[in-house]
Amino acid sequence: MVTAEEKRMLCDPGSDKEFLERVYQSELNRKPDDEGYEYWLNDIQIKGETREEVLMNIRLSDEKWLVDIYRKELNREIDDEGRNWWMGDFRGQGSGKDHLTYGSDRPAQTRDQVLANIKRSEEYKSKHSE
């Protein structure tokens, strides 16, 4: 079943760029960057994907998963520092923390590995200690 918010995002007669701005803010809690605009606009305008398909794909992304993990496990919205930190792990770029990285040549991390690292963080421990 489509929620009222989803219907508004999908059916608003605004431009595809405006659609992406609404989806990014709603789902990822940020504005789209140039790379995101280009990627998703290509899917809509060149590949012919529907807005609903793009919305579903964004919801399946590692970034959306991370936003949801922050809400669930850390009880807060993700900030740019956290987003960049953990997305670097997904890409195998490392986060830069000695106790969480194993060198710059390590492979990309899975969601399970990123979640395990989040659960080892001081912030997580302080919120879940009792």
N, C-alpha and C. Protein backbone atom coordinates (compact mmCIF):
# COMPACT_ATOMS: atom_id res chain seq x y z
N MET A 1 0.83 -1.18 0.00
CA MET A 1 0.00 0.00 0.00
C MET A 1 0.89 1.26 0.00
N VAL A 2 0.57 2.21 -0.82
CA VAL A 2 1.33 3.44 -0.94
C VAL A 2 0.83 4.44 0.10
N THR A 3 1.76 5.00 0.86
CA THR A 3 1.39 5.99 1.87
C THR A 3 1.11 7.33 1.20
N ALA A 4 0.50 8.24 1.95
CA ALA A 4 0.22 9.57 1.42
C ALA A 4 1.51 10.29 1.03
N GLU A 5 2.56 10.12 1.85
CA GLU A 5 3.86 10.74 1.55
C GLU A 5 4.45 10.19 0.26
N GLU A 6 4.38 8.86 0.09
CA GLU A 6 4.89 8.24 -1.13
C GLU A 6 4.10 8.72 -2.34
N LYS A 7 2.80 8.80 -2.20
CA LYS A 7 1.95 9.26 -3.31
C LYS A 7 2.32 10.68 -3.70
N ARG A 8 2.56 11.53 -2.70
CA ARG A 8 2.95 12.91 -2.98
C ARG A 8 4.28 12.94 -3.71
N MET A 9 5.25 12.13 -3.26
CA MET A 9 6.56 12.10 -3.90
C MET A 9 6.48 11.59 -5.33
N LEU A 10 5.66 10.56 -5.54
CA LEU A 10 5.60 9.91 -6.85
C LEU A 10 4.73 10.66 -7.85
N CYS A 11 3.68 11.30 -7.38
CA CYS A 11 2.69 11.88 -8.29
C CYS A 11 2.79 13.38 -8.46
N ASP A 12 3.59 14.05 -7.67
CA ASP A 12 3.72 15.49 -7.80
C ASP A 12 4.17 15.80 -9.23
N PRO A 13 3.52 16.75 -9.86
CA PRO A 13 3.85 17.05 -11.26
C PRO A 13 5.18 17.79 -11.46
N GLY A 14 5.94 17.99 -10.41
CA GLY A 14 7.21 18.69 -10.52
C GLY A 14 8.19 17.95 -11.42
N SER A 15 9.30 18.59 -11.66
CA SER A 15 10.34 18.01 -12.52
C SER A 15 10.96 16.78 -11.86
N ASP A 16 11.68 16.00 -12.66
CA ASP A 16 12.38 14.84 -12.12
C ASP A 16 13.42 15.27 -11.09
N LYS A 17 14.04 16.41 -11.30
CA LYS A 17 15.02 16.91 -10.35
C LYS A 17 14.35 17.25 -9.02
N GLU A 18 13.17 17.85 -9.08
CA GLU A 18 12.42 18.15 -7.85
C GLU A 18 12.00 16.86 -7.15
N PHE A 19 11.61 15.85 -7.93
CA PHE A 19 11.27 14.56 -7.37
C PHE A 19 12.46 13.99 -6.59
N LEU A 20 13.64 14.03 -7.19
CA LEU A 20 14.83 13.51 -6.52
C LEU A 20 15.15 14.29 -5.25
N GLU A 21 14.95 15.60 -5.29
CA GLU A 21 15.18 16.40 -4.08
C GLU A 21 14.25 15.96 -2.96
N ARG A 22 12.99 15.71 -3.25
CA ARG A 22 12.03 15.26 -2.24
C ARG A 22 12.41 13.87 -1.70
N VAL A 23 12.77 12.97 -2.60
CA VAL A 23 13.12 11.61 -2.20
C VAL A 23 14.39 11.61 -1.35
N TYR A 24 15.40 12.32 -1.78
CA TYR A 24 16.65 12.37 -1.01
C TYR A 24 16.39 12.92 0.39
N GLN A 25 15.62 13.98 0.48
CA GLN A 25 15.36 14.57 1.80
C GLN A 25 14.56 13.61 2.67
N SER A 26 13.56 12.99 2.10
CA SER A 26 12.70 12.07 2.85
C SER A 26 13.42 10.79 3.24
N GLU A 27 14.16 10.20 2.31
CA GLU A 27 14.75 8.89 2.53
C GLU A 27 16.19 8.93 3.06
N LEU A 28 16.97 9.91 2.62
CA LEU A 28 18.40 9.94 2.97
C LEU A 28 18.76 11.11 3.88
N ASN A 29 17.78 11.96 4.16
CA ASN A 29 17.97 13.09 5.07
C ASN A 29 19.07 14.04 4.60
N ARG A 30 19.10 14.28 3.29
CA ARG A 30 20.07 15.21 2.72
C ARG A 30 19.62 15.62 1.33
N LYS A 31 20.32 16.61 0.79
CA LYS A 31 20.09 17.03 -0.59
C LYS A 31 20.91 16.14 -1.52
N PRO A 32 20.44 15.93 -2.73
CA PRO A 32 21.23 15.14 -3.69
C PRO A 32 22.51 15.88 -4.09
N ASP A 33 23.58 15.14 -4.29
CA ASP A 33 24.79 15.73 -4.84
C ASP A 33 24.74 15.60 -6.36
N ASP A 34 25.69 16.19 -7.04
CA ASP A 34 25.69 16.16 -8.50
C ASP A 34 25.73 14.73 -9.04
N GLU A 35 26.52 13.87 -8.40
CA GLU A 35 26.63 12.48 -8.84
C GLU A 35 25.28 11.77 -8.70
N GLY A 36 24.57 12.03 -7.61
CA GLY A 36 23.26 11.41 -7.41
C GLY A 36 22.24 11.89 -8.43
N TYR A 37 22.22 13.20 -8.66
CA TYR A 37 21.32 13.73 -9.70
C TYR A 37 21.58 13.04 -11.03
N GLU A 38 22.83 13.02 -11.42
CA GLU A 38 23.18 12.46 -12.73
C GLU A 38 22.78 10.98 -12.82
N TYR A 39 23.09 10.22 -11.79
CA TYR A 39 22.80 8.79 -11.80
C TYR A 39 21.30 8.52 -11.91
N TRP A 40 20.51 9.13 -11.04
CA TRP A 40 19.07 8.83 -11.02
C TRP A 40 18.33 9.49 -12.17
N LEU A 41 18.75 10.68 -12.59
CA LEU A 41 18.11 11.29 -13.76
C LEU A 41 18.35 10.44 -15.00
N ASN A 42 19.54 9.85 -15.11
CA ASN A 42 19.83 8.94 -16.21
C ASN A 42 18.87 7.74 -16.18
N ASP A 43 18.64 7.19 -14.99
CA ASP A 43 17.72 6.06 -14.87
C ASP A 43 16.30 6.44 -15.31
N ILE A 44 15.87 7.64 -14.95
CA ILE A 44 14.51 8.07 -15.31
C ILE A 44 14.42 8.48 -16.77
N GLN A 45 15.33 9.35 -17.20
CA GLN A 45 15.19 9.97 -18.51
C GLN A 45 15.79 9.15 -19.65
N ILE A 46 16.79 8.35 -19.40
CA ILE A 46 17.43 7.56 -20.45
C ILE A 46 16.96 6.10 -20.41
N LYS A 47 17.03 5.51 -19.24
CA LYS A 47 16.67 4.10 -19.11
C LYS A 47 15.16 3.88 -19.01
N GLY A 48 14.42 4.94 -18.74
CA GLY A 48 12.96 4.83 -18.70
C GLY A 48 12.39 4.26 -17.41
N GLU A 49 13.18 4.28 -16.32
CA GLU A 49 12.65 3.80 -15.05
C GLU A 49 11.59 4.77 -14.54
N THR A 50 10.61 4.22 -13.85
CA THR A 50 9.56 5.06 -13.27
C THR A 50 10.07 5.68 -11.98
N ARG A 51 9.37 6.69 -11.51
CA ARG A 51 9.72 7.30 -10.23
C ARG A 51 9.59 6.27 -9.11
N GLU A 52 8.60 5.42 -9.18
CA GLU A 52 8.42 4.39 -8.16
C GLU A 52 9.61 3.43 -8.14
N GLU A 53 10.12 3.06 -9.30
CA GLU A 53 11.29 2.18 -9.36
C GLU A 53 12.52 2.85 -8.76
N VAL A 54 12.70 4.14 -9.05
CA VAL A 54 13.83 4.88 -8.50
C VAL A 54 13.69 4.97 -6.98
N LEU A 55 12.51 5.28 -6.49
CA LEU A 55 12.28 5.34 -5.06
C LEU A 55 12.62 4.00 -4.40
N MET A 56 12.16 2.91 -4.98
CA MET A 56 12.44 1.59 -4.42
C MET A 56 13.95 1.28 -4.44
N ASN A 57 14.63 1.65 -5.51
CA ASN A 57 16.08 1.43 -5.60
C ASN A 57 16.85 2.24 -4.56
N ILE A 58 16.42 3.47 -4.34
CA ILE A 58 17.06 4.29 -3.31
C ILE A 58 16.83 3.65 -1.94
N ARG A 59 15.65 3.12 -1.72
CA ARG A 59 15.34 2.47 -0.44
C ARG A 59 16.14 1.19 -0.24
N LEU A 60 16.65 0.61 -1.30
CA LEU A 60 17.47 -0.60 -1.20
C LEU A 60 18.97 -0.28 -1.09
N SER A 61 19.32 0.99 -1.16
CA SER A 61 20.72 1.39 -1.18
C SER A 61 21.39 1.22 0.18
N ASP A 62 22.71 1.09 0.15
CA ASP A 62 23.49 1.03 1.39
C ASP A 62 23.30 2.31 2.21
N GLU A 63 23.20 3.43 1.54
CA GLU A 63 23.05 4.69 2.27
C GLU A 63 21.73 4.73 3.03
N LYS A 64 20.65 4.29 2.41
CA LYS A 64 19.35 4.26 3.10
C LYS A 64 19.41 3.30 4.27
N TRP A 65 20.05 2.14 4.08
CA TRP A 65 20.22 1.19 5.17
C TRP A 65 20.95 1.85 6.33
N LEU A 66 22.00 2.60 6.02
CA LEU A 66 22.78 3.28 7.04
C LEU A 66 21.95 4.33 7.77
N VAL A 67 21.16 5.11 7.04
CA VAL A 67 20.27 6.10 7.66
C VAL A 67 19.34 5.40 8.65
N ASP A 68 18.77 4.28 8.24
CA ASP A 68 17.86 3.53 9.10
C ASP A 68 18.57 2.95 10.32
N ILE A 69 19.80 2.47 10.14
CA ILE A 69 20.58 1.93 11.26
C ILE A 69 20.85 3.02 12.28
N TYR A 70 21.20 4.21 11.84
CA TYR A 70 21.42 5.32 12.77
C TYR A 70 20.16 5.60 13.57
N ARG A 71 19.03 5.62 12.90
CA ARG A 71 17.77 5.87 13.61
C ARG A 71 17.47 4.77 14.62
N LYS A 72 17.69 3.54 14.22
CA LYS A 72 17.36 2.40 15.08
C LYS A 72 18.38 2.17 16.18
N GLU A 73 19.65 2.15 15.84
CA GLU A 73 20.69 1.77 16.79
C GLU A 73 21.27 2.93 17.58
N LEU A 74 21.32 4.12 16.99
CA LEU A 74 21.90 5.27 17.68
C LEU A 74 20.85 6.30 18.08
N ASN A 75 19.61 6.05 17.70
CA ASN A 75 18.48 6.91 18.08
C ASN A 75 18.66 8.36 17.66
N ARG A 76 19.21 8.54 16.46
CA ARG A 76 19.38 9.90 15.94
C ARG A 76 19.50 9.86 14.43
N GLU A 77 19.43 11.06 13.84
CA GLU A 77 19.63 11.19 12.40
C GLU A 77 21.13 11.13 12.11
N ILE A 78 21.45 10.59 10.98
CA ILE A 78 22.85 10.53 10.56
C ILE A 78 23.33 11.93 10.20
N ASP A 79 24.58 12.23 10.47
CA ASP A 79 25.17 13.50 10.06
C ASP A 79 26.15 13.23 8.91
N ASP A 80 26.65 14.30 8.33
CA ASP A 80 27.55 14.14 7.18
C ASP A 80 28.82 13.38 7.54
N GLU A 81 29.36 13.63 8.72
CA GLU A 81 30.58 12.94 9.14
C GLU A 81 30.35 11.43 9.23
N GLY A 82 29.26 11.03 9.87
CA GLY A 82 28.95 9.61 9.98
C GLY A 82 28.65 8.98 8.64
N ARG A 83 27.91 9.69 7.82
CA ARG A 83 27.58 9.17 6.49
C ARG A 83 28.85 8.93 5.68
N ASN A 84 29.73 9.91 5.65
CA ASN A 84 30.97 9.78 4.89
C ASN A 84 31.86 8.69 5.46
N TRP A 85 31.90 8.61 6.77
CA TRP A 85 32.72 7.62 7.46
C TRP A 85 32.33 6.20 7.05
N TRP A 86 31.06 5.87 7.25
CA TRP A 86 30.60 4.50 7.01
C TRP A 86 30.44 4.18 5.54
N MET A 87 30.07 5.16 4.72
CA MET A 87 29.99 4.91 3.29
C MET A 87 31.38 4.61 2.73
N GLY A 88 32.42 5.20 3.33
CA GLY A 88 33.79 4.86 2.95
C GLY A 88 34.08 3.39 3.20
N ASP A 89 33.54 2.86 4.30
CA ASP A 89 33.71 1.43 4.57
C ASP A 89 33.03 0.58 3.51
N PHE A 90 31.84 0.97 3.10
CA PHE A 90 31.14 0.21 2.06
C PHE A 90 31.94 0.18 0.76
N ARG A 91 32.64 1.26 0.49
CA ARG A 91 33.41 1.38 -0.76
C ARG A 91 34.83 0.84 -0.62
N GLY A 92 35.20 0.38 0.57
CA GLY A 92 36.55 -0.13 0.79
C GLY A 92 37.58 0.96 0.90
N GLN A 93 37.15 2.19 1.20
CA GLN A 93 38.08 3.31 1.32
C GLN A 93 38.55 3.49 2.74
N GLY A 94 37.95 2.77 3.66
CA GLY A 94 38.34 2.87 5.06
C GLY A 94 37.81 4.14 5.69
N SER A 95 37.69 4.07 6.99
CA SER A 95 37.13 5.19 7.72
C SER A 95 38.20 6.06 8.36
N GLY A 96 39.38 5.53 8.49
CA GLY A 96 40.45 6.32 9.07
C GLY A 96 40.68 6.08 10.55
N LYS A 97 39.79 5.41 11.23
CA LYS A 97 39.99 5.10 12.64
C LYS A 97 40.82 3.83 12.74
N ASP A 98 41.91 3.92 13.47
CA ASP A 98 42.82 2.78 13.59
C ASP A 98 42.13 1.52 14.09
N HIS A 99 41.23 1.67 15.04
CA HIS A 99 40.60 0.48 15.61
C HIS A 99 39.47 -0.08 14.74
N LEU A 100 39.11 0.61 13.68
CA LEU A 100 38.05 0.11 12.81
C LEU A 100 38.54 -0.21 11.40
N THR A 101 39.71 0.25 11.04
CA THR A 101 40.20 -0.01 9.69
C THR A 101 41.40 -0.93 9.74
N TYR A 102 41.62 -1.59 8.67
CA TYR A 102 42.69 -2.56 8.59
C TYR A 102 43.66 -2.20 7.47
N GLY A 103 43.77 -0.94 7.17
CA GLY A 103 44.64 -0.49 6.10
C GLY A 103 43.83 -0.02 4.91
N SER A 104 44.45 0.77 4.07
CA SER A 104 43.72 1.37 2.95
C SER A 104 43.41 0.38 1.83
N ASP A 105 44.04 -0.78 1.86
CA ASP A 105 43.82 -1.76 0.79
C ASP A 105 42.76 -2.80 1.15
N ARG A 106 42.06 -2.60 2.23
CA ARG A 106 41.10 -3.62 2.63
C ARG A 106 39.89 -3.60 1.70
N PRO A 107 39.20 -4.72 1.60
CA PRO A 107 38.05 -4.79 0.70
C PRO A 107 36.86 -4.01 1.24
N ALA A 108 35.92 -3.77 0.37
CA ALA A 108 34.68 -3.12 0.78
C ALA A 108 34.02 -3.94 1.87
N GLN A 109 33.38 -3.25 2.79
CA GLN A 109 32.72 -3.90 3.92
C GLN A 109 31.26 -4.21 3.59
N THR A 110 30.76 -5.29 4.16
CA THR A 110 29.35 -5.65 4.00
C THR A 110 28.53 -4.91 5.04
N ARG A 111 27.22 -4.97 4.91
CA ARG A 111 26.35 -4.35 5.90
C ARG A 111 26.57 -4.97 7.28
N ASP A 112 26.74 -6.27 7.34
CA ASP A 112 26.98 -6.92 8.63
C ASP A 112 28.27 -6.41 9.27
N GLN A 113 29.31 -6.21 8.46
CA GLN A 113 30.58 -5.73 9.00
C GLN A 113 30.46 -4.28 9.46
N VAL A 114 29.77 -3.45 8.70
CA VAL A 114 29.57 -2.06 9.09
C VAL A 114 28.75 -2.00 10.38
N LEU A 115 27.69 -2.79 10.46
CA LEU A 115 26.87 -2.81 11.67
C LEU A 115 27.69 -3.26 12.88
N ALA A 116 28.52 -4.27 12.71
CA ALA A 116 29.38 -4.72 13.80
C ALA A 116 30.31 -3.61 14.25
N ASN A 117 30.86 -2.84 13.31
CA ASN A 117 31.73 -1.72 13.66
C ASN A 117 30.96 -0.62 14.38
N ILE A 118 29.74 -0.34 13.94
CA ILE A 118 28.91 0.65 14.62
C ILE A 118 28.65 0.21 16.05
N LYS A 119 28.39 -1.07 16.23
CA LYS A 119 28.11 -1.59 17.57
C LYS A 119 29.35 -1.60 18.45
N ARG A 120 30.52 -1.48 17.88
CA ARG A 120 31.75 -1.36 18.67
C ARG A 120 32.07 0.10 19.00
N SER A 121 31.33 1.03 18.42
CA SER A 121 31.61 2.44 18.65
C SER A 121 31.26 2.87 20.07
N GLU A 122 31.95 3.89 20.55
CA GLU A 122 31.67 4.43 21.88
C GLU A 122 30.24 4.98 21.97
N GLU A 123 29.78 5.59 20.90
CA GLU A 123 28.42 6.14 20.91
C GLU A 123 27.40 5.04 21.12
N TYR A 124 27.55 3.95 20.38
CA TYR A 124 26.61 2.83 20.52
C TYR A 124 26.67 2.27 21.94
N LYS A 125 27.89 2.03 22.42
CA LYS A 125 28.06 1.46 23.75
C LYS A 125 27.43 2.35 24.83
N SER A 126 27.59 3.65 24.69
CA SER A 126 27.03 4.56 25.70
C SER A 126 25.49 4.56 25.67
N LYS A 127 24.92 4.32 24.53
CA LYS A 127 23.45 4.33 24.42
C LYS A 127 22.83 2.98 24.77
N HIS A 128 23.64 1.94 24.77
CA HIS A 128 23.09 0.60 25.01
C HIS A 128 23.70 -0.07 26.24
N SER A 129 24.32 0.72 27.11
CA SER A 129 24.90 0.13 28.32
C SER A 129 23.88 0.19 29.45
N GLU A 130 23.63 -0.91 30.03
CA GLU A 130 22.73 -1.01 31.19
C GLU A 130 22.74 -2.38 31.71
